[in-house]
Amino acid sequence: MLQDKAMLANLSISRWTAQRIDSKVTREVTQAHNATSDSGDFRKTLVDRAHLKQLTASASAMRAFHNKLTLPWDDNSDRILPSALYQEYTTGMKHMRLADEQLRRDFVALYPQLLAAAPKRLGTLYNPKDFPTISQIADKFDIRISLKPIPSADDFRVNVGDEATALIREQLTAENDAKFQAAMRECYTRVQDVVGHISTTLRKEDPRIFDTLITNARDLVACLPALNLTGDPILEELRQELDAMLPSPNALRANAQTRTKTADAADAILAKMKAYQ
């Protein structure tokens, strides 16, 4: 059962964006240009974005890591986390959260200086009400991770009669099956995206080859066995073929024949995937 092989993981990250819409300036601009009130907004950047750059990057890295090890489940941001990836997920998130907490402490320590500099930086755009107080700023950053079981129709208990209960359980089972099938299709989509990017890049006359062209593919090769919760033999075959075709980035940069050979192998995988669709 899926419930024995995986759980649901939800990642929620809050960040202070340091941006506010200035309704007064927006009205002035729209009136000056004889525009309607819904034609645009004037958005103020309250502090230099450079001071939030690392925190923004940290949040993006956590979301990317979360998405890499999970598959989509529902519209509530719950995602399927295979049990086989639980330790990697929790260990990785622990390290990333510790690093993020230090970045937050650094920003909170700097914030009084940014607050003091804001009137000069913003000029007549300055409004003290736009800014959190020094005591409030730390609460504008948060990371929450929740793990919970995948719901099972067998766990549904309510006193509405046997016939109604059976019908509801049937509907829940059908919904879970549909979500699970969509999650498994995501595995194929990931393979197609990675292989397609390799092919497109290597077919260029003078391609710029970044390490991530190969490292992203190797990450997918490493994750797919755990993400393949159904033991799909076709998906495993594609994973093995992808693994076998991957040279080093330096080899691709140095040798045009290697690029052609790798692109041909990528196209062969794409053709095989098209036949399966």
C-alpha atoms as a PDB file:
ATOM      1  CA  MET A   1       0.000   0.000   0.000  1.00  0.00           C
ATOM      2  CA  LEU A   2       1.107   3.554  -0.709  1.00  0.00           C
ATOM      3  CA  GLN A   3       0.547   4.430   2.965  1.00  0.00           C
ATOM      4  CA  ASP A   4       3.293   1.949   3.893  1.00  0.00           C
ATOM      5  CA  LYS A   5       5.814   3.362   1.415  1.00  0.00           C
ATOM      6  CA  ALA A   6       5.425   7.120   1.749  1.00  0.00           C
ATOM      7  CA  MET A   7       4.078  10.045   3.740  1.00  0.00           C
ATOM      8  CA  LEU A   8       2.980  13.607   2.994  1.00  0.00           C
ATOM      9  CA  ALA A   9       5.405  16.482   3.503  1.00  0.00           C
ATOM     10  CA  ASN A  10       4.410  20.140   3.562  1.00  0.00           C
ATOM     11  CA  LEU A  11       6.934  22.970   3.465  1.00  0.00           C
ATOM     12  CA  SER A  12       5.881  26.543   4.275  1.00  0.00           C
ATOM     13  CA  ILE A  13       8.409  29.395   4.135  1.00  0.00           C
ATOM     14  CA  SER A  14       7.635  32.986   5.102  1.00  0.00           C
ATOM     15  CA  ARG A  15       9.838  35.890   4.121  1.00  0.00           C
ATOM     16  CA  TRP A  16       9.656  39.643   4.591  1.00  0.00           C
ATOM     17  CA  THR A  17       9.726  40.952   1.027  1.00  0.00           C
ATOM     18  CA  ALA A  18      10.556  44.552   2.004  1.00  0.00           C
ATOM     19  CA  GLN A  19       8.085  45.801  -0.585  1.00  0.00           C
ATOM     20  CA  ARG A  20       4.935  47.866  -0.245  1.00  0.00           C
ATOM     21  CA  ILE A  21       2.521  49.374  -2.734  1.00  0.00           C
ATOM     22  CA  ASP A  22       2.287  53.149  -2.283  1.00  0.00           C
ATOM     23  CA  SER A  23      -1.332  54.014  -3.052  1.00  0.00           C
ATOM     24  CA  LYS A  24      -0.685  57.790  -2.898  1.00  0.00           C
ATOM     25  CA  VAL A  25       2.101  57.690  -5.465  1.00  0.00           C
ATOM     26  CA  THR A  26       0.092  55.261  -7.577  1.00  0.00           C
ATOM     27  CA  ARG A  27      -2.779  57.772  -7.742  1.00  0.00           C
ATOM     28  CA  GLU A  28      -0.373  60.585  -8.608  1.00  0.00           C
ATOM     29  CA  VAL A  29       1.209  58.605 -11.434  1.00  0.00           C
ATOM     30  CA  THR A  30      -2.067  57.410 -12.932  1.00  0.00           C
ATOM     31  CA  GLN A  31      -3.526  60.927 -12.782  1.00  0.00           C
ATOM     32  CA  ALA A  32      -0.389  62.441 -14.319  1.00  0.00           C
ATOM     33  CA  HIS A  33      -0.664  60.022 -17.230  1.00  0.00           C
ATOM     34  CA  ASN A  34      -4.446  60.222 -17.502  1.00  0.00           C
ATOM     35  CA  ALA A  35      -4.676  56.468 -16.821  1.00  0.00           C
ATOM     36  CA  THR A  36      -7.349  54.425 -15.095  1.00  0.00           C
ATOM     37  CA  SER A  37      -6.906  53.391 -11.488  1.00  0.00           C
ATOM     38  CA  ASP A  38      -6.342  49.725 -12.422  1.00  0.00           C
ATOM     39  CA  SER A  39      -3.555  50.443 -14.909  1.00  0.00           C
ATOM     40  CA  GLY A  40      -0.696  49.755 -12.501  1.00  0.00           C
ATOM     41  CA  ASP A  41       0.801  50.084  -9.047  1.00  0.00           C
ATOM     42  CA  PHE A  42       3.857  51.816  -7.659  1.00  0.00           C
ATOM     43  CA  ARG A  43       5.740  49.350  -5.497  1.00  0.00           C
ATOM     44  CA  LYS A  44       8.376  50.607  -3.063  1.00  0.00           C
ATOM     45  CA  THR A  45      11.452  48.586  -2.136  1.00  0.00           C
ATOM     46  CA  LEU A  46      11.936  49.482   1.506  1.00  0.00           C
ATOM     47  CA  VAL A  47      15.542  48.325   1.935  1.00  0.00           C
ATOM     48  CA  ASP A  48      18.357  47.477  -0.442  1.00  0.00           C
ATOM     49  CA  ARG A  49      17.518  44.032  -1.848  1.00  0.00           C
ATOM     50  CA  ALA A  50      21.148  42.996  -1.442  1.00  0.00           C
ATOM     51  CA  HIS A  51      20.532  42.641   2.292  1.00  0.00           C
ATOM     52  CA  LEU A  52      17.826  40.029   1.648  1.00  0.00           C
ATOM     53  CA  LYS A  53      19.545  38.242  -1.236  1.00  0.00           C
ATOM     54  CA  GLN A  54      20.971  35.391   0.843  1.00  0.00           C
ATOM     55  CA  LEU A  55      17.694  34.822   2.660  1.00  0.00           C
ATOM     56  CA  THR A  56      15.841  34.706  -0.648  1.00  0.00           C
ATOM     57  CA  ALA A  57      18.379  32.255  -2.047  1.00  0.00           C
ATOM     58  CA  SER A  58      18.110  30.125   1.090  1.00  0.00           C
ATOM     59  CA  ALA A  59      14.334  29.868   0.729  1.00  0.00           C
ATOM     60  CA  SER A  60      14.667  28.954  -2.957  1.00  0.00           C
ATOM     61  CA  ALA A  61      17.230  26.257  -2.141  1.00  0.00           C
ATOM     62  CA  MET A  62      14.965  24.710   0.497  1.00  0.00           C
ATOM     63  CA  ARG A  63      11.990  24.671  -1.864  1.00  0.00           C
ATOM     64  CA  ALA A  64      14.114  23.105  -4.615  1.00  0.00           C
ATOM     65  CA  PHE A  65      15.416  20.427  -2.237  1.00  0.00           C
ATOM     66  CA  HIS A  66      11.878  19.734  -0.986  1.00  0.00           C
ATOM     67  CA  ASN A  67      10.531  19.390  -4.525  1.00  0.00           C
ATOM     68  CA  LYS A  68      13.454  17.207  -5.658  1.00  0.00           C
ATOM     69  CA  LEU A  69      12.771  14.539  -3.035  1.00  0.00           C
ATOM     70  CA  THR A  70       8.969  14.648  -3.225  1.00  0.00           C
ATOM     71  CA  LEU A  71       6.167  14.278  -5.746  1.00  0.00           C
ATOM     72  CA  PRO A  72       2.945  16.327  -6.068  1.00  0.00           C
ATOM     73  CA  TRP A  73      -0.140  15.219  -4.172  1.00  0.00           C
ATOM     74  CA  ASP A  74      -2.771  17.955  -3.836  1.00  0.00           C
ATOM     75  CA  ASP A  75      -3.471  21.682  -4.110  1.00  0.00           C
ATOM     76  CA  ASN A  76      -2.702  22.247  -0.409  1.00  0.00           C
ATOM     77  CA  SER A  77       1.057  21.968  -1.067  1.00  0.00           C
ATOM     78  CA  ASP A  78       1.206  18.488   0.443  1.00  0.00           C
ATOM     79  CA  ARG A  79       3.701  16.332  -1.469  1.00  0.00           C
ATOM     80  CA  ILE A  80       4.543  12.627  -1.389  1.00  0.00           C
ATOM     81  CA  LEU A  81       7.784  11.878   0.442  1.00  0.00           C
ATOM     82  CA  PRO A  82       8.925   8.263  -0.044  1.00  0.00           C
ATOM     83  CA  SER A  83       9.935   6.576   3.202  1.00  0.00           C
ATOM     84  CA  ALA A  84      13.252   5.662   1.578  1.00  0.00           C
ATOM     85  CA  LEU A  85      14.076   9.379   1.279  1.00  0.00           C
ATOM     86  CA  TYR A  86      12.908  10.372   4.764  1.00  0.00           C
ATOM     87  CA  GLN A  87      16.372  10.364   6.351  1.00  0.00           C
ATOM     88  CA  GLU A  88      17.949  12.288   3.479  1.00  0.00           C
ATOM     89  CA  TYR A  89      15.081  14.781   3.572  1.00  0.00           C
ATOM     90  CA  THR A  90      15.143  15.421   7.308  1.00  0.00           C
ATOM     91  CA  THR A  91      18.948  15.581   7.485  1.00  0.00           C
ATOM     92  CA  GLY A  92      19.181  17.941   4.518  1.00  0.00           C
ATOM     93  CA  MET A  93      16.411  20.180   5.814  1.00  0.00           C
ATOM     94  CA  LYS A  94      17.994  20.300   9.273  1.00  0.00           C
ATOM     95  CA  HIS A  95      21.283  21.605   7.871  1.00  0.00           C
ATOM     96  CA  MET A  96      19.544  24.099   5.593  1.00  0.00           C
ATOM     97  CA  ARG A  97      17.334  25.386   8.415  1.00  0.00           C
ATOM     98  CA  LEU A  98      20.332  25.895  10.694  1.00  0.00           C
ATOM     99  CA  ALA A  99      22.084  27.913   7.986  1.00  0.00           C
ATOM    100  CA  ASP A 100      18.897  29.886   7.356  1.00  0.00           C
ATOM    101  CA  GLU A 101      18.498  30.658  11.064  1.00  0.00           C
ATOM    102  CA  GLN A 102      21.963  32.208  11.089  1.00  0.00           C
ATOM    103  CA  LEU A 103      21.096  34.350   8.064  1.00  0.00           C
ATOM    104  CA  ARG A 104      17.956  35.513   9.863  1.00  0.00           C
ATOM    105  CA  ARG A 105      19.890  36.391  12.999  1.00  0.00           C
ATOM    106  CA  ASP A 106      22.349  38.404  10.900  1.00  0.00           C
ATOM    107  CA  PHE A 107      19.527  40.299   9.208  1.00  0.00           C
ATOM    108  CA  VAL A 108      17.671  40.994  12.456  1.00  0.00           C
ATOM    109  CA  ALA A 109      20.911  42.380  13.917  1.00  0.00           C
ATOM    110  CA  LEU A 110      21.337  44.635  10.872  1.00  0.00           C
ATOM    111  CA  TYR A 111      17.697  45.740  10.739  1.00  0.00           C
ATOM    112  CA  PRO A 112      17.971  48.702  13.170  1.00  0.00           C
ATOM    113  CA  GLN A 113      20.583  50.247  10.867  1.00  0.00           C
ATOM    114  CA  LEU A 114      18.371  49.707   7.817  1.00  0.00           C
ATOM    115  CA  LEU A 115      15.436  51.224   9.680  1.00  0.00           C
ATOM    116  CA  ALA A 116      17.487  54.271  10.631  1.00  0.00           C
ATOM    117  CA  ALA A 117      18.715  54.725   7.045  1.00  0.00           C
ATOM    118  CA  ALA A 118      15.263  54.348   5.455  1.00  0.00           C
ATOM    119  CA  PRO A 119      14.124  58.028   5.654  1.00  0.00           C
ATOM    120  CA  LYS A 120      17.160  59.218   3.703  1.00  0.00           C
ATOM    121  CA  ARG A 121      17.022  56.313   1.257  1.00  0.00           C
ATOM    122  CA  LEU A 122      13.321  56.717   0.416  1.00  0.00           C
ATOM    123  CA  GLY A 123      13.000  60.480   0.692  1.00  0.00           C
ATOM    124  CA  THR A 124       9.398  61.593   0.412  1.00  0.00           C
ATOM    125  CA  LEU A 125       8.366  57.987  -0.208  1.00  0.00           C
ATOM    126  CA  TYR A 126       9.233  57.136   3.390  1.00  0.00           C
ATOM    127  CA  ASN A 127       6.379  56.051   5.630  1.00  0.00           C
ATOM    128  CA  PRO A 128       7.264  54.528   9.011  1.00  0.00           C
ATOM    129  CA  LYS A 129       4.059  52.470   8.915  1.00  0.00           C
ATOM    130  CA  ASP A 130       5.526  50.452   6.030  1.00  0.00           C
ATOM    131  CA  PHE A 131       8.149  48.913   8.300  1.00  0.00           C
ATOM    132  CA  PRO A 132       7.834  46.219  10.951  1.00  0.00           C
ATOM    133  CA  THR A 133       9.169  47.327  14.305  1.00  0.00           C
ATOM    134  CA  ILE A 134      12.493  46.006  15.556  1.00  0.00           C
ATOM    135  CA  SER A 135      10.605  43.640  17.865  1.00  0.00           C
ATOM    136  CA  GLN A 136       8.405  42.397  15.000  1.00  0.00           C
ATOM    137  CA  ILE A 137      10.948  41.793  12.236  1.00  0.00           C
ATOM    138  CA  ALA A 138      12.121  38.342  13.379  1.00  0.00           C
ATOM    139  CA  ASP A 139       8.553  37.029  13.155  1.00  0.00           C
ATOM    140  CA  LYS A 140       8.413  37.948   9.460  1.00  0.00           C
ATOM    141  CA  PHE A 141      10.667  34.975   8.682  1.00  0.00           C
ATOM    142  CA  ASP A 142       9.532  31.430   9.334  1.00  0.00           C
ATOM    143  CA  ILE A 143       9.994  27.853   8.126  1.00  0.00           C
ATOM    144  CA  ARG A 144       7.465  25.145   8.878  1.00  0.00           C
ATOM    145  CA  ILE A 145       7.699  21.502   7.863  1.00  0.00           C
ATOM    146  CA  SER A 146       4.886  19.094   8.609  1.00  0.00           C
ATOM    147  CA  LEU A 147       4.840  15.352   7.963  1.00  0.00           C
ATOM    148  CA  LYS A 148       1.678  13.288   8.104  1.00  0.00           C
ATOM    149  CA  PRO A 149       0.326   9.961   6.861  1.00  0.00           C
ATOM    150  CA  ILE A 150      -1.256   9.622   3.449  1.00  0.00           C
ATOM    151  CA  PRO A 151      -5.004   9.335   4.081  1.00  0.00           C
ATOM    152  CA  SER A 152      -6.568   5.927   3.594  1.00  0.00           C
ATOM    153  CA  ALA A 153     -10.194   5.219   2.837  1.00  0.00           C
ATOM    154  CA  ASP A 154     -10.030   2.408   5.404  1.00  0.00           C
ATOM    155  CA  ASP A 155      -9.530   5.017   8.122  1.00  0.00           C
ATOM    156  CA  PHE A 156     -12.771   6.824   7.266  1.00  0.00           C
ATOM    157  CA  ARG A 157     -15.198   6.541  10.164  1.00  0.00           C
ATOM    158  CA  VAL A 158     -18.507   8.392  10.355  1.00  0.00           C
ATOM    159  CA  ASN A 159     -22.030   7.417  11.319  1.00  0.00           C
ATOM    160  CA  VAL A 160     -23.901   7.975   8.045  1.00  0.00           C
ATOM    161  CA  GLY A 161     -24.951   4.416   7.332  1.00  0.00           C
ATOM    162  CA  ASP A 162     -23.103   1.517   5.722  1.00  0.00           C
ATOM    163  CA  GLU A 163     -24.121   2.349   2.160  1.00  0.00           C
ATOM    164  CA  ALA A 164     -23.095   6.008   2.403  1.00  0.00           C
ATOM    165  CA  THR A 165     -19.848   5.122   4.150  1.00  0.00           C
ATOM    166  CA  ALA A 166     -18.976   2.608   1.438  1.00  0.00           C
ATOM    167  CA  LEU A 167     -19.689   5.215  -1.261  1.00  0.00           C
ATOM    168  CA  ILE A 168     -17.510   7.839   0.425  1.00  0.00           C
ATOM    169  CA  ARG A 169     -14.676   5.350   0.878  1.00  0.00           C
ATOM    170  CA  GLU A 170     -14.933   4.445  -2.793  1.00  0.00           C
ATOM    171  CA  GLN A 171     -14.690   8.125  -3.738  1.00  0.00           C
ATOM    172  CA  LEU A 172     -11.687   8.655  -1.454  1.00  0.00           C
ATOM    173  CA  THR A 173      -9.942   5.641  -2.932  1.00  0.00           C
ATOM    174  CA  ALA A 174     -10.565   6.907  -6.451  1.00  0.00           C
ATOM    175  CA  GLU A 175      -9.250  10.363  -5.546  1.00  0.00           C
ATOM    176  CA  ASN A 176      -6.128   8.896  -3.949  1.00  0.00           C
ATOM    177  CA  ASP A 177      -5.520   6.692  -6.983  1.00  0.00           C
ATOM    178  CA  ALA A 178      -5.832   9.668  -9.327  1.00  0.00           C
ATOM    179  CA  LYS A 179      -3.406  11.732  -7.231  1.00  0.00           C
ATOM    180  CA  PHE A 180      -0.953   8.860  -7.082  1.00  0.00           C
ATOM    181  CA  GLN A 181      -1.054   8.291 -10.832  1.00  0.00           C
ATOM    182  CA  ALA A 182      -0.416  12.009 -11.389  1.00  0.00           C
ATOM    183  CA  ALA A 183       2.548  11.812  -9.033  1.00  0.00           C
ATOM    184  CA  MET A 184       4.003   8.884 -10.963  1.00  0.00           C
ATOM    185  CA  ARG A 185       3.596  10.782 -14.236  1.00  0.00           C
ATOM    186  CA  GLU A 186       5.694  13.509 -12.651  1.00  0.00           C
ATOM    187  CA  CYS A 187       8.626  11.055 -12.625  1.00  0.00           C
ATOM    188  CA  TYR A 188       8.362  10.683 -16.399  1.00  0.00           C
ATOM    189  CA  THR A 189       8.068  14.442 -16.797  1.00  0.00           C
ATOM    190  CA  ARG A 190      11.275  14.946 -14.815  1.00  0.00           C
ATOM    191  CA  VAL A 191      13.138  12.471 -17.015  1.00  0.00           C
ATOM    192  CA  GLN A 192      11.783  14.098 -20.155  1.00  0.00           C
ATOM    193  CA  ASP A 193      12.722  17.599 -18.976  1.00  0.00           C
ATOM    194  CA  VAL A 194      16.268  16.642 -17.989  1.00  0.00           C
ATOM    195  CA  VAL A 195      16.953  14.579 -21.123  1.00  0.00           C
ATOM    196  CA  GLY A 196      15.331  17.163 -23.382  1.00  0.00           C
ATOM    197  CA  HIS A 197      17.496  19.909 -21.913  1.00  0.00           C
ATOM    198  CA  ILE A 198      20.625  17.833 -22.515  1.00  0.00           C
ATOM    199  CA  SER A 199      19.641  17.193 -26.125  1.00  0.00           C
ATOM    200  CA  THR A 200      18.723  20.818 -26.844  1.00  0.00           C
ATOM    201  CA  THR A 201      21.907  22.138 -25.274  1.00  0.00           C
ATOM    202  CA  LEU A 202      24.285  19.714 -26.995  1.00  0.00           C
ATOM    203  CA  ARG A 203      22.707  20.216 -30.428  1.00  0.00           C
ATOM    204  CA  LYS A 204      23.735  23.872 -30.412  1.00  0.00           C
ATOM    205  CA  GLU A 205      26.690  24.837 -32.584  1.00  0.00           C
ATOM    206  CA  ASP A 206      28.744  26.235 -29.724  1.00  0.00           C
ATOM    207  CA  PRO A 207      26.929  25.235 -26.529  1.00  0.00           C
ATOM    208  CA  ARG A 208      27.591  26.729 -23.109  1.00  0.00           C
ATOM    209  CA  ILE A 209      27.821  23.665 -20.912  1.00  0.00           C
ATOM    210  CA  PHE A 210      27.340  24.246 -17.196  1.00  0.00           C
ATOM    211  CA  ASP A 211      28.053  21.554 -14.629  1.00  0.00           C
ATOM    212  CA  THR A 212      24.349  21.536 -13.707  1.00  0.00           C
ATOM    213  CA  LEU A 213      23.521  20.058 -17.123  1.00  0.00           C
ATOM    214  CA  ILE A 214      24.951  16.786 -15.818  1.00  0.00           C
ATOM    215  CA  THR A 215      24.700  17.154 -12.041  1.00  0.00           C
ATOM    216  CA  ASN A 216      20.946  17.747 -12.237  1.00  0.00           C
ATOM    217  CA  ALA A 217      20.612  14.573 -14.292  1.00  0.00           C
ATOM    218  CA  ARG A 218      22.731  12.606 -11.802  1.00  0.00           C
ATOM    219  CA  ASP A 219      20.570  13.898  -8.932  1.00  0.00           C
ATOM    220  CA  LEU A 220      17.492  12.611 -10.747  1.00  0.00           C
ATOM    221  CA  VAL A 221      19.142   9.229 -11.369  1.00  0.00           C
ATOM    222  CA  ALA A 222      19.878   8.992  -7.643  1.00  0.00           C
ATOM    223  CA  CYS A 223      16.326   9.938  -6.546  1.00  0.00           C
ATOM    224  CA  LEU A 224      14.267   7.936  -9.029  1.00  0.00           C
ATOM    225  CA  PRO A 225      14.555   4.506  -7.376  1.00  0.00           C
ATOM    226  CA  ALA A 226      12.883   5.883  -4.236  1.00  0.00           C
ATOM    227  CA  LEU A 227      10.391   8.010  -6.156  1.00  0.00           C
ATOM    228  CA  ASN A 228       9.377   5.006  -8.270  1.00  0.00           C
ATOM    229  CA  LEU A 229       6.900   3.817  -5.647  1.00  0.00           C
ATOM    230  CA  THR A 230       5.167   1.393  -8.023  1.00  0.00           C
ATOM    231  CA  GLY A 231       8.386  -0.299  -9.109  1.00  0.00           C
ATOM    232  CA  ASP A 232       7.575   0.696 -12.705  1.00  0.00           C
ATOM    233  CA  PRO A 233      10.028  -1.326 -14.853  1.00  0.00           C
ATOM    234  CA  ILE A 234       9.823   1.106 -17.769  1.00  0.00           C
ATOM    235  CA  LEU A 235      10.751   4.038 -15.547  1.00  0.00           C
ATOM    236  CA  GLU A 236      13.643   2.027 -14.101  1.00  0.00           C
ATOM    237  CA  GLU A 237      14.830   1.155 -17.611  1.00  0.00           C
ATOM    238  CA  LEU A 238      14.792   4.826 -18.578  1.00  0.00           C
ATOM    239  CA  ARG A 239      16.692   5.690 -15.400  1.00  0.00           C
ATOM    240  CA  GLN A 240      19.393   3.158 -16.200  1.00  0.00           C
ATOM    241  CA  GLU A 241      19.718   4.427 -19.767  1.00  0.00           C
ATOM    242  CA  LEU A 242      19.988   8.002 -18.514  1.00  0.00           C
ATOM    243  CA  ASP A 243      22.644   6.964 -16.014  1.00  0.00           C
ATOM    244  CA  ALA A 244      24.655   5.167 -18.702  1.00  0.00           C
ATOM    245  CA  MET A 245      24.665   8.095 -21.130  1.00  0.00           C
ATOM    246  CA  LEU A 246      26.033  10.727 -18.743  1.00  0.00           C
ATOM    247  CA  PRO A 247      29.655  11.798 -19.269  1.00  0.00           C
ATOM    248  CA  SER A 248      31.397  14.446 -17.198  1.00  0.00           C
ATOM    249  CA  PRO A 249      30.761  18.126 -18.000  1.00  0.00           C
ATOM    250  CA  ASN A 250      34.447  18.525 -18.849  1.00  0.00           C
ATOM    251  CA  ALA A 251      34.265  15.671 -21.357  1.00  0.00           C
ATOM    252  CA  LEU A 252      31.338  17.387 -23.063  1.00  0.00           C
ATOM    253  CA  ARG A 253      33.162  20.698 -23.195  1.00  0.00           C
ATOM    254  CA  ALA A 254      36.340  19.167 -24.579  1.00  0.00           C
ATOM    255  CA  ASN A 255      35.049  16.814 -27.258  1.00  0.00           C
ATOM    256  CA  ALA A 256      32.493  17.466 -29.995  1.00  0.00           C
ATOM    257  CA  GLN A 257      32.123  13.738 -30.659  1.00  0.00           C
ATOM    258  CA  THR A 258      31.200  13.156 -27.027  1.00  0.00           C
ATOM    259  CA  ARG A 259      28.580  15.880 -27.306  1.00  0.00           C
ATOM    260  CA  THR A 260      27.115  14.288 -30.440  1.00  0.00           C
ATOM    261  CA  LYS A 261      27.112  10.805 -28.914  1.00  0.00           C
ATOM    262  CA  THR A 262      25.415  12.054 -25.743  1.00  0.00           C
ATOM    263  CA  ALA A 263      22.836  14.043 -27.714  1.00  0.00           C
ATOM    264  CA  ASP A 264      22.060  10.951 -29.816  1.00  0.00           C
ATOM    265  CA  ALA A 265      21.579   8.886 -26.657  1.00  0.00           C
ATOM    266  CA  ALA A 266      19.312  11.580 -25.229  1.00  0.00           C
ATOM    267  CA  ASP A 267      17.223  11.639 -28.410  1.00  0.00           C
ATOM    268  CA  ALA A 268      16.899   7.862 -28.277  1.00  0.00           C
ATOM    269  CA  ILE A 269      15.505   8.078 -24.752  1.00  0.00           C
ATOM    270  CA  LEU A 270      13.080  10.805 -25.813  1.00  0.00           C
ATOM    271  CA  ALA A 271      11.918   8.704 -28.761  1.00  0.00           C
ATOM    272  CA  LYS A 272      11.339   5.734 -26.478  1.00  0.00           C
ATOM    273  CA  MET A 273       9.352   7.879 -24.060  1.00  0.00           C
ATOM    274  CA  LYS A 274       7.212   9.187 -26.917  1.00  0.00           C
ATOM    275  CA  ALA A 275       6.359   5.609 -27.878  1.00  0.00           C
ATOM    276  CA  TYR A 276       5.199   4.938 -24.300  1.00  0.00           C
ATOM    277  CA  GLN A 277       2.859   7.936 -24.214  1.00  0.00           C
END
